[in-house]
Amino acid sequence: QVQLVESGGGLVEPGGSLRLSCEISGLTFEDYVMNWVRQGPGRAREIVAQISPSRDTHYLASVRGRFAVSRDDSKSTVYLQMNDLRPEDTAVYYCSAAGYSGQGTQVTVSS
């Protein structure tokens, strides 16, 4: 069965950084586009970042230049480095692939 397990969320002050991780099992990791998706309070779910098997990346405009997605196929893990965090980045962050999503990890940006 496919499992996606996110970690690394937490409370951080504006301008701070966090690194999210998502370990995936049950599918051939290296074959799939990996996505980071978030849903903030009262907001629709949005794709924050994507990375293809060939390492092509795409970002939501509001996070470009602050967030960086990467993947380690040997560990079946995808990462999201988040820098210069802002209160509007507050959300539950999920990784997704092949139609599956994890349970999410809460990121709260507040002073």
Protein backbone atom coordinates (compact mmCIF):
# COMPACT_ATOMS: atom_id res chain seq x y z
CA GLN A 1 0.00 0.00 0.00
CA VAL A 2 1.16 3.52 -0.74
CA GLN A 3 2.21 5.62 2.24
CA LEU A 4 3.42 9.22 2.37
CA VAL A 5 4.68 10.50 5.70
CA GLU A 6 5.48 14.19 6.11
CA SER A 7 7.60 15.66 8.87
CA GLY A 8 9.37 18.88 9.78
CA GLY A 9 6.53 21.29 10.39
CA GLY A 10 6.29 23.55 13.39
CA LEU A 11 6.01 27.09 14.68
CA VAL A 12 8.46 29.63 13.32
CA GLU A 13 8.76 33.40 13.43
CA PRO A 14 8.42 35.49 10.25
CA GLY A 15 11.66 35.37 8.33
CA GLY A 16 12.53 31.96 9.69
CA SER A 17 13.14 28.67 7.91
CA LEU A 18 11.85 25.13 8.01
CA ARG A 19 12.66 22.00 6.05
CA LEU A 20 9.87 19.57 5.36
CA SER A 21 10.47 15.94 4.46
CA CYS A 22 8.17 13.34 2.98
CA GLU A 23 9.12 9.68 2.85
CA ILE A 24 7.14 7.60 0.39
CA SER A 25 6.70 3.86 0.19
CA GLY A 26 4.62 1.53 -1.91
CA LEU A 27 5.35 3.02 -5.32
CA THR A 28 8.33 3.36 -7.63
CA PHE A 29 9.42 6.75 -6.31
CA GLU A 30 11.77 7.63 -9.15
CA ASP A 31 9.00 7.34 -11.74
CA TYR A 32 6.73 10.06 -10.35
CA VAL A 33 6.36 13.80 -10.15
CA MET A 34 6.37 14.79 -6.49
CA ASN A 35 4.21 17.63 -5.26
CA TRP A 36 4.05 19.78 -2.17
CA VAL A 37 0.55 21.11 -1.62
CA ARG A 38 -0.76 23.34 1.14
CA GLN A 39 -4.08 24.37 2.56
CA GLY A 40 -4.24 27.44 4.73
CA PRO A 41 -7.10 28.37 7.06
CA GLY A 42 -10.17 29.23 4.99
CA ARG A 43 -8.26 28.80 1.75
CA ALA A 44 -8.31 26.37 -1.13
CA ARG A 45 -5.63 23.77 -1.48
CA GLU A 46 -2.79 24.95 -3.73
CA ILE A 47 0.25 23.31 -5.25
CA VAL A 48 3.34 24.96 -3.81
CA ALA A 49 6.08 23.10 -5.63
CA GLN A 50 6.64 20.19 -7.98
CA ILE A 51 9.69 18.21 -8.97
CA SER A 52 9.79 15.76 -11.84
CA PRO A 53 11.90 12.60 -12.10
CA SER A 54 14.34 14.63 -14.22
CA ARG A 55 14.52 17.32 -11.49
CA ASP A 56 12.50 19.93 -13.38
CA THR A 57 10.87 22.14 -10.78
CA HIS A 58 7.88 24.44 -10.70
CA TYR A 59 6.76 26.81 -7.95
CA LEU A 60 3.76 28.81 -6.89
CA ALA A 61 4.59 32.42 -7.74
CA SER A 62 4.31 33.59 -4.13
CA VAL A 63 7.00 31.16 -2.94
CA ARG A 64 9.42 31.32 -5.86
CA GLY A 65 12.85 32.36 -4.65
CA ARG A 66 12.02 31.45 -1.03
CA PHE A 67 11.18 27.73 -1.27
CA ALA A 68 13.22 24.95 -2.85
CA VAL A 69 12.01 21.43 -3.61
CA SER A 70 14.42 18.53 -3.94
CA ARG A 71 14.31 14.76 -4.00
CA ASP A 72 16.53 11.87 -3.01
CA ASP A 73 15.50 8.84 -5.02
CA SER A 74 17.81 6.58 -2.98
CA LYS A 75 15.76 7.44 0.12
CA SER A 76 12.35 7.75 -1.61
CA THR A 77 12.11 11.15 0.03
CA VAL A 78 11.13 14.58 -1.20
CA TYR A 79 12.07 17.78 0.64
CA LEU A 80 10.81 21.33 0.80
CA GLN A 81 13.24 23.93 2.11
CA MET A 82 11.27 26.99 3.14
CA ASN A 83 13.11 30.24 3.82
CA ASP A 84 11.96 33.76 4.65
CA LEU A 85 8.66 32.40 5.88
CA ARG A 86 5.70 34.74 6.07
CA PRO A 87 2.46 34.56 8.06
CA GLU A 88 0.58 33.83 4.83
CA ASP A 89 2.61 30.63 4.48
CA THR A 90 0.76 29.25 7.49
CA ALA A 91 -0.95 26.06 6.33
CA VAL A 92 -1.02 22.31 6.51
CA TYR A 93 1.55 21.08 4.01
CA TYR A 94 1.05 17.76 2.23
CA CYS A 95 3.17 15.82 -0.18
CA SER A 96 1.40 14.03 -2.98
CA ALA A 97 2.21 11.71 -5.84
CA ALA A 98 0.30 9.44 -8.17
CA GLY A 99 -2.99 10.57 -6.69
CA TYR A 100 -1.99 9.84 -3.11
CA SER A 101 -1.41 12.32 -0.28
CA GLY A 102 -0.02 12.13 3.18
CA GLN A 103 -1.62 13.29 6.41
CA GLY A 104 0.12 16.63 6.30
CA THR A 105 2.33 18.62 8.64
CA GLN A 106 1.32 21.94 10.19
CA VAL A 107 3.43 25.01 9.49
CA THR A 108 2.62 28.10 11.53
CA VAL A 109 4.42 31.38 10.93
CA SER A 110 3.78 33.81 13.73
CA SER A 111 5.57 36.14 16.09
